[in-house]
Amino acid sequence: MTTLKRQQGVALVLVLMIVAIVVVIAVSMSGRLQLTLQRQQNLQQQQQAFWYAMGAEAFARQILRRSLQGQETSHLGQDWAQQGAQFPVPDGTISGVITDLRGCFNLNALYQAPAPAGQAQQEATVEQQSFQRLLELVALDLSMPAEYLMARIADWLDEDSLLRTAGSAEDDDYAALPFPYYTGNTLMGTVTELRAILDVTPDDYKLLQPYVCVIPDNQQLRINANTLTEETAVLLSAIVAELDQSAALEVIASRPDNGFSSTEEFWGTGPLAGIQVEESLKELVTVSSEYYQLTARIGYQETGMQMQSILKVQEGERVTVLARRFGGAG
């Protein structure tokens, strides 16, 4: 009897162990199932938010086409420039803003072709000189001298590995960092690349962000006088050294509601009328634009998404997407 009771006790312990193992397995399977369901729900929400973003982009293309078709100028009085648009959609909202990429300083314009072998580095271009003046006007707290940052961006863009000046930086400087990398040696694709420039701090980036942008595969600087604001009027002072910031604000304040009809009208406005400006500088100002950026923000159930699309308007008829980026603004 004692042996039988002992065997029964062992069997009971085995049964309890098996039950415990089954319970653990069941709990684990239930947890994994819940995790899988939550992951699937998140994916569905992200997918829906993505298609809402695509809808916002399609709408932006339509409004740009409608606003600019047959127009010789682009200005802040047109439909594309209206601010604060927000649209309710099932289980979410879509909001967005379109900005003119000719209303900021295109960093790719700092590109300068390397000097031929055996020749000294060429003098700074008018675009580089304008950018250095911009830094001196709006970035007094910059962590480095203005000419250093200008030279480092130019070295980031050019194809060679030769230093422009003593304050610039090339591959050897980046390779010596604790987490090394190389220079881009090509035009920038996004303005956030500015953070990759040697010694550029987050504070430096915040100082420059309102005034600079990047147009992919485009190294031309053209400032649209019709889309400058009071904040960005300083870009005129950067281009025209004789025009101080208060005079630049006066030019923007005197701008017609529908913008300047031509560059001749712009250069004949207020303080500009009495300034002799070289043709090379006059070419930097325009009254139209073909490059725009859509910043769309999507809220869908528990998911949030931001998308930036760079759009090109060709002859006011066709709008194409040059680049698209998801995530934060950088």
Protein backbone atom coordinates (compact mmCIF):
# COMPACT_ATOMS: atom_id res chain seq x y z
CA MET A 1 0.00 0.00 0.00
CA THR A 2 2.83 2.34 0.81
CA THR A 3 4.41 1.75 -2.61
CA LEU A 4 1.06 2.31 -4.35
CA LYS A 5 0.46 5.58 -2.49
CA ARG A 6 3.97 6.69 -3.38
CA GLN A 7 3.32 5.93 -7.05
CA GLN A 8 0.01 7.78 -6.92
CA GLY A 9 1.77 10.79 -5.39
CA VAL A 10 4.40 10.78 -8.14
CA ALA A 11 1.68 10.56 -10.78
CA LEU A 12 -0.16 13.50 -9.21
CA VAL A 13 3.01 15.58 -9.21
CA LEU A 14 3.58 14.74 -12.89
CA VAL A 15 0.01 15.71 -13.73
CA LEU A 16 0.41 19.03 -11.90
CA MET A 17 3.69 19.69 -13.73
CA ILE A 18 2.07 18.96 -17.07
CA VAL A 19 -0.85 21.23 -16.24
CA ALA A 20 1.56 23.99 -15.20
CA ILE A 21 3.54 23.61 -18.44
CA VAL A 22 0.34 23.71 -20.50
CA VAL A 23 -0.78 26.86 -18.65
CA VAL A 24 2.58 28.53 -19.28
CA ILE A 25 2.42 27.61 -22.96
CA ALA A 26 -1.17 28.86 -23.20
CA VAL A 27 -0.28 32.17 -21.54
CA SER A 28 2.73 32.57 -23.85
CA MET A 29 0.63 31.81 -26.93
CA SER A 30 -2.04 34.26 -25.77
CA GLY A 31 0.56 36.99 -25.22
CA ARG A 32 2.10 36.38 -28.64
CA LEU A 33 -1.34 36.42 -30.23
CA GLN A 34 -2.16 39.74 -28.61
CA LEU A 35 1.21 41.14 -29.72
CA THR A 36 0.63 39.92 -33.28
CA LEU A 37 -2.85 41.43 -33.34
CA GLN A 38 -1.54 44.76 -32.02
CA ARG A 39 1.29 44.73 -34.56
CA GLN A 40 -1.18 44.02 -37.34
CA GLN A 41 -3.42 46.83 -36.12
CA ASN A 42 -0.48 49.23 -36.07
CA LEU A 43 0.50 48.22 -39.60
CA GLN A 44 -3.05 48.77 -40.82
CA GLN A 45 -3.17 52.20 -39.21
CA GLN A 46 0.20 53.16 -40.69
CA GLN A 47 -0.89 51.93 -44.10
CA GLN A 48 -4.08 53.99 -43.94
CA ALA A 49 -2.13 57.04 -42.77
CA PHE A 50 0.26 56.52 -45.69
CA TRP A 51 -2.59 56.57 -48.21
CA TYR A 52 -4.06 59.66 -46.57
CA ALA A 53 -0.63 61.28 -47.06
CA MET A 54 -0.66 60.23 -50.71
CA GLY A 55 -4.08 61.85 -50.99
CA ALA A 56 -2.72 65.07 -49.50
CA GLU A 57 0.11 65.03 -52.03
CA ALA A 58 -2.32 64.49 -54.93
CA PHE A 59 -4.42 67.41 -53.66
CA ALA A 60 -1.33 69.63 -53.41
CA ARG A 61 -0.39 68.79 -57.00
CA GLN A 62 -3.88 69.71 -58.15
CA ILE A 63 -3.94 73.02 -56.27
CA LEU A 64 -0.49 73.98 -57.58
CA ARG A 65 -1.54 73.19 -61.12
CA ARG A 66 -4.77 75.15 -60.74
CA SER A 67 -3.08 78.14 -59.08
CA LEU A 68 -0.13 78.49 -61.46
CA GLN A 69 -1.60 77.49 -64.80
CA GLY A 70 -1.23 80.41 -67.17
CA GLN A 71 0.46 82.56 -64.49
CA GLU A 72 3.81 84.27 -65.07
CA THR A 73 4.41 84.88 -61.36
CA SER A 74 3.91 82.98 -58.14
CA HIS A 75 2.97 84.89 -55.00
CA LEU A 76 1.44 84.50 -51.54
CA GLY A 77 -1.99 85.60 -52.72
CA GLN A 78 -2.50 82.42 -54.73
CA ASP A 79 -4.49 79.44 -53.46
CA TRP A 80 -1.43 77.21 -52.94
CA ALA A 81 -0.07 79.62 -50.29
CA GLN A 82 -3.14 79.57 -48.02
CA GLN A 83 -2.22 78.53 -44.47
CA GLY A 84 -4.01 76.51 -41.80
CA ALA A 85 -5.87 74.07 -44.06
CA GLN A 86 -7.14 71.03 -42.14
CA PHE A 87 -9.48 68.38 -43.48
CA PRO A 88 -11.43 65.81 -41.46
CA VAL A 89 -11.33 62.26 -42.80
CA PRO A 90 -12.80 59.03 -41.38
CA ASP A 91 -11.09 58.40 -38.01
CA GLY A 92 -8.52 61.12 -38.56
CA THR A 93 -7.43 64.49 -39.94
CA ILE A 94 -5.16 65.75 -42.71
CA SER A 95 -3.39 69.11 -42.49
CA GLY A 96 -0.66 70.56 -44.63
CA VAL A 97 1.21 73.57 -45.87
CA ILE A 98 2.88 74.31 -49.20
CA THR A 99 6.00 76.48 -49.21
CA ASP A 100 8.01 77.93 -52.06
CA LEU A 101 11.56 76.56 -52.24
CA ARG A 102 12.55 79.75 -54.05
CA GLY A 103 11.68 81.60 -50.87
CA CYS A 104 14.75 80.25 -49.04
CA PHE A 105 18.47 79.80 -49.68
CA ASN A 106 19.18 76.62 -51.66
CA LEU A 107 22.31 75.15 -50.02
CA ASN A 108 23.19 73.33 -53.22
CA ALA A 109 23.94 76.74 -54.74
CA LEU A 110 27.15 76.77 -52.70
CA TYR A 111 28.61 74.16 -55.03
CA GLN A 112 31.70 75.29 -56.91
CA ALA A 113 33.51 73.14 -59.43
CA PRO A 114 37.06 72.25 -58.28
CA ALA A 115 39.86 74.29 -59.79
CA PRO A 116 41.86 72.55 -62.53
CA ALA A 117 45.00 70.72 -61.39
CA GLY A 118 47.85 73.09 -60.66
CA GLN A 119 45.63 76.15 -60.39
CA ALA A 120 44.72 78.05 -57.24
CA GLN A 121 41.21 77.75 -55.82
CA GLN A 122 38.84 80.20 -57.48
CA GLU A 123 37.37 83.13 -55.59
CA ALA A 124 34.05 82.67 -53.81
CA THR A 125 31.01 82.83 -56.06
CA VAL A 126 28.28 85.45 -55.61
CA GLU A 127 26.12 82.72 -54.09
CA GLN A 128 28.81 81.86 -51.55
CA GLN A 129 29.35 85.51 -50.71
CA SER A 130 25.60 85.96 -50.22
CA PHE A 131 25.43 82.94 -47.92
CA GLN A 132 28.30 84.23 -45.80
CA ARG A 133 26.51 87.58 -45.43
CA LEU A 134 23.32 85.71 -44.48
CA LEU A 135 25.21 83.90 -41.72
CA GLU A 136 26.63 87.17 -40.46
CA LEU A 137 23.12 88.65 -40.34
CA VAL A 138 21.06 85.86 -38.77
CA ALA A 139 23.56 83.55 -37.04
CA LEU A 140 25.60 85.71 -34.72
CA ASP A 141 25.70 82.84 -32.20
CA LEU A 142 27.05 80.35 -34.74
CA SER A 143 29.56 77.94 -33.19
CA MET A 144 32.15 78.73 -35.89
CA PRO A 145 33.09 81.68 -38.09
CA ALA A 146 30.69 82.22 -40.99
CA GLU A 147 33.41 81.71 -43.59
CA TYR A 148 34.27 78.32 -42.07
CA LEU A 149 30.73 77.01 -42.39
CA MET A 150 30.40 78.33 -45.94
CA ALA A 151 33.65 76.61 -46.92
CA ARG A 152 32.71 73.34 -45.20
CA ILE A 153 29.40 73.15 -47.04
CA ALA A 154 31.16 73.90 -50.34
CA ASP A 155 33.70 71.12 -49.60
CA TRP A 156 30.84 68.76 -48.74
CA LEU A 157 29.30 69.39 -52.15
CA ASP A 158 32.35 69.32 -54.43
CA GLU A 159 33.88 66.17 -55.89
CA ASP A 160 37.48 66.54 -54.73
CA SER A 161 39.15 66.01 -51.34
CA LEU A 162 41.08 69.28 -51.27
CA LEU A 163 40.52 71.85 -48.55
CA ARG A 164 39.21 75.22 -49.73
CA THR A 165 40.59 77.18 -46.77
CA ALA A 166 42.20 76.55 -43.40
CA GLY A 167 38.75 76.45 -41.79
CA SER A 168 37.10 74.01 -44.17
CA ALA A 169 36.85 70.22 -43.83
CA GLU A 170 37.27 67.25 -46.14
CA ASP A 171 37.35 63.46 -46.00
CA ASP A 172 40.38 63.23 -43.68
CA ASP A 173 38.68 65.44 -41.08
CA TYR A 174 35.49 63.35 -41.08
CA ALA A 175 37.41 60.05 -41.12
CA ALA A 176 39.21 61.10 -37.92
CA LEU A 177 35.96 61.47 -35.96
CA PRO A 178 35.05 58.93 -33.23
CA PHE A 179 32.28 57.72 -35.57
CA PRO A 180 33.88 58.36 -38.96
CA TYR A 181 32.17 58.98 -42.27
CA TYR A 182 32.98 60.68 -45.54
CA THR A 183 31.77 63.88 -47.17
CA GLY A 184 28.85 63.69 -49.58
CA ASN A 185 30.91 64.82 -52.62
CA THR A 186 27.63 65.54 -54.38
CA LEU A 187 24.64 67.84 -54.09
CA MET A 188 22.53 67.55 -50.95
CA GLY A 189 19.28 65.63 -51.05
CA THR A 190 17.73 67.14 -47.92
CA VAL A 191 18.38 70.13 -45.71
CA THR A 192 18.98 67.81 -42.74
CA GLU A 193 22.38 66.95 -44.28
CA LEU A 194 23.48 70.27 -42.81
CA ARG A 195 23.67 68.45 -39.46
CA ALA A 196 26.35 66.17 -40.92
CA ILE A 197 28.72 69.08 -41.59
CA LEU A 198 31.69 69.04 -39.23
CA ASP A 199 31.01 70.80 -35.90
CA VAL A 200 27.50 71.99 -36.83
CA THR A 201 25.51 71.83 -33.60
CA PRO A 202 21.75 71.46 -33.08
CA ASP A 203 21.64 75.14 -32.11
CA ASP A 204 23.42 76.08 -35.34
CA TYR A 205 20.86 74.10 -37.31
CA LYS A 206 17.95 75.81 -35.54
CA LEU A 207 19.45 79.22 -36.31
CA LEU A 208 19.64 78.49 -40.03
CA GLN A 209 16.56 76.32 -40.54
CA PRO A 210 14.10 79.19 -41.25
CA TYR A 211 16.29 80.56 -44.04
CA VAL A 212 17.79 77.56 -45.84
CA CYS A 213 16.48 74.66 -47.87
CA VAL A 214 17.64 72.12 -50.43
CA ILE A 215 16.34 71.55 -53.95
CA PRO A 216 17.52 68.07 -55.01
CA ASP A 217 19.73 67.95 -58.10
CA ASN A 218 19.60 71.73 -58.45
CA GLN A 219 22.50 74.07 -57.75
CA GLN A 220 20.79 77.28 -58.80
CA LEU A 221 20.04 80.12 -56.39
CA ARG A 222 16.93 82.08 -57.25
CA ILE A 223 15.07 84.00 -54.55
CA ASN A 224 11.39 84.66 -55.28
CA ALA A 225 10.71 88.20 -54.09
CA ASN A 226 6.98 87.45 -54.15
CA THR A 227 7.10 84.72 -51.50
CA LEU A 228 9.50 86.26 -49.00
CA THR A 229 8.01 87.06 -45.60
CA GLU A 230 9.02 89.53 -42.94
CA GLU A 231 11.15 86.80 -41.37
CA THR A 232 12.93 85.84 -44.59
CA ALA A 233 13.26 89.38 -46.01
CA VAL A 234 16.83 89.25 -44.70
CA LEU A 235 17.67 87.12 -47.76
CA LEU A 236 17.48 90.34 -49.80
CA SER A 237 20.05 91.93 -47.50
CA ALA A 238 22.25 88.88 -47.97
CA ILE A 239 22.15 89.28 -51.75
CA VAL A 240 22.43 93.09 -51.82
CA ALA A 241 25.03 94.13 -49.26
CA GLU A 242 23.96 97.80 -49.46
CA LEU A 243 20.38 96.91 -48.44
CA ASP A 244 20.08 96.74 -44.65
CA GLN A 245 17.42 94.63 -42.93
CA SER A 246 15.03 97.50 -42.24
CA ALA A 247 15.17 98.50 -45.91
CA ALA A 248 14.56 94.87 -46.93
CA LEU A 249 11.46 94.82 -44.72
CA GLU A 250 10.31 98.05 -46.37
CA VAL A 251 10.60 96.40 -49.79
CA ILE A 252 8.47 93.45 -48.66
CA ALA A 253 5.93 95.73 -46.98
CA SER A 254 5.49 97.73 -50.19
CA ARG A 255 4.97 94.62 -52.32
CA PRO A 256 1.60 94.57 -54.15
CA ASP A 257 -1.02 92.08 -52.96
CA ASN A 258 -0.50 90.01 -56.09
CA GLY A 259 3.26 90.32 -55.93
CA PHE A 260 5.69 92.06 -58.24
CA SER A 261 4.74 91.53 -61.87
CA SER A 262 8.38 91.52 -63.00
CA THR A 263 11.91 91.75 -61.67
CA GLU A 264 12.13 95.24 -63.16
CA GLU A 265 9.27 96.34 -60.91
CA PHE A 266 11.01 94.75 -57.93
CA TRP A 267 14.37 96.46 -58.53
CA GLY A 268 12.60 99.79 -58.93
CA THR A 269 10.83 99.53 -55.56
CA GLY A 270 11.60 101.86 -52.65
CA PRO A 271 15.15 101.58 -51.29
CA LEU A 272 16.26 99.37 -54.19
CA ALA A 273 15.69 102.12 -56.72
CA GLY A 274 18.69 104.07 -55.45
CA ILE A 275 21.13 101.16 -55.31
CA GLN A 276 23.43 100.14 -58.15
CA VAL A 277 23.29 96.35 -58.30
CA GLU A 278 25.49 94.18 -60.50
CA GLU A 279 23.76 92.00 -63.07
CA SER A 280 25.20 88.86 -61.46
CA LEU A 281 23.27 89.73 -58.29
CA LYS A 282 20.12 90.78 -60.10
CA GLU A 283 19.98 87.31 -61.65
CA LEU A 284 19.57 85.83 -58.17
CA VAL A 285 16.11 87.36 -57.76
CA THR A 286 12.97 86.19 -59.54
CA VAL A 287 9.21 86.65 -59.24
CA SER A 288 8.19 83.08 -60.01
CA SER A 289 9.01 79.58 -58.89
CA GLU A 290 8.80 76.02 -60.08
CA TYR A 291 9.85 74.22 -56.87
CA TYR A 292 7.56 73.75 -53.87
CA GLN A 293 7.49 71.66 -50.72
CA LEU A 294 4.42 70.08 -49.20
CA THR A 295 4.54 69.31 -45.48
CA ALA A 296 1.56 67.08 -44.69
CA ARG A 297 0.61 65.90 -41.20
CA ILE A 298 -1.70 62.93 -40.84
CA GLY A 299 -3.57 61.80 -37.75
CA TYR A 300 -5.37 58.47 -37.98
CA GLN A 301 -6.72 56.79 -34.86
CA GLU A 302 -3.63 56.28 -32.68
CA THR A 303 -1.11 56.84 -35.51
CA GLY A 304 0.59 60.10 -36.48
CA MET A 305 2.64 60.64 -39.63
CA GLN A 306 4.42 63.52 -41.33
CA MET A 307 5.43 63.59 -44.99
CA GLN A 308 7.45 66.12 -46.94
CA SER A 309 7.19 66.10 -50.73
CA ILE A 310 9.23 68.27 -53.07
CA LEU A 311 7.19 69.13 -56.15
CA LYS A 312 8.22 70.66 -59.45
CA VAL A 313 5.75 72.58 -61.61
CA GLN A 314 6.67 72.37 -65.27
CA GLU A 315 5.30 75.20 -67.42
CA GLY A 316 2.35 75.50 -65.05
CA GLU A 317 0.86 72.34 -66.54
CA ARG A 318 2.44 69.25 -65.03
CA VAL A 319 3.46 68.73 -61.40
CA THR A 320 5.97 65.99 -60.65
CA VAL A 321 7.33 64.63 -57.36
CA LEU A 322 11.11 65.02 -57.05
CA ALA A 323 11.50 63.63 -53.54
CA ARG A 324 9.40 62.30 -50.71
CA ARG A 325 10.35 61.89 -47.07
CA PHE A 326 8.46 60.43 -44.12
CA GLY A 327 9.04 61.14 -40.48
CA GLY A 328 9.93 64.28 -38.55
CA ALA A 329 10.90 67.59 -40.05
CA GLY A 330 14.48 67.13 -38.92
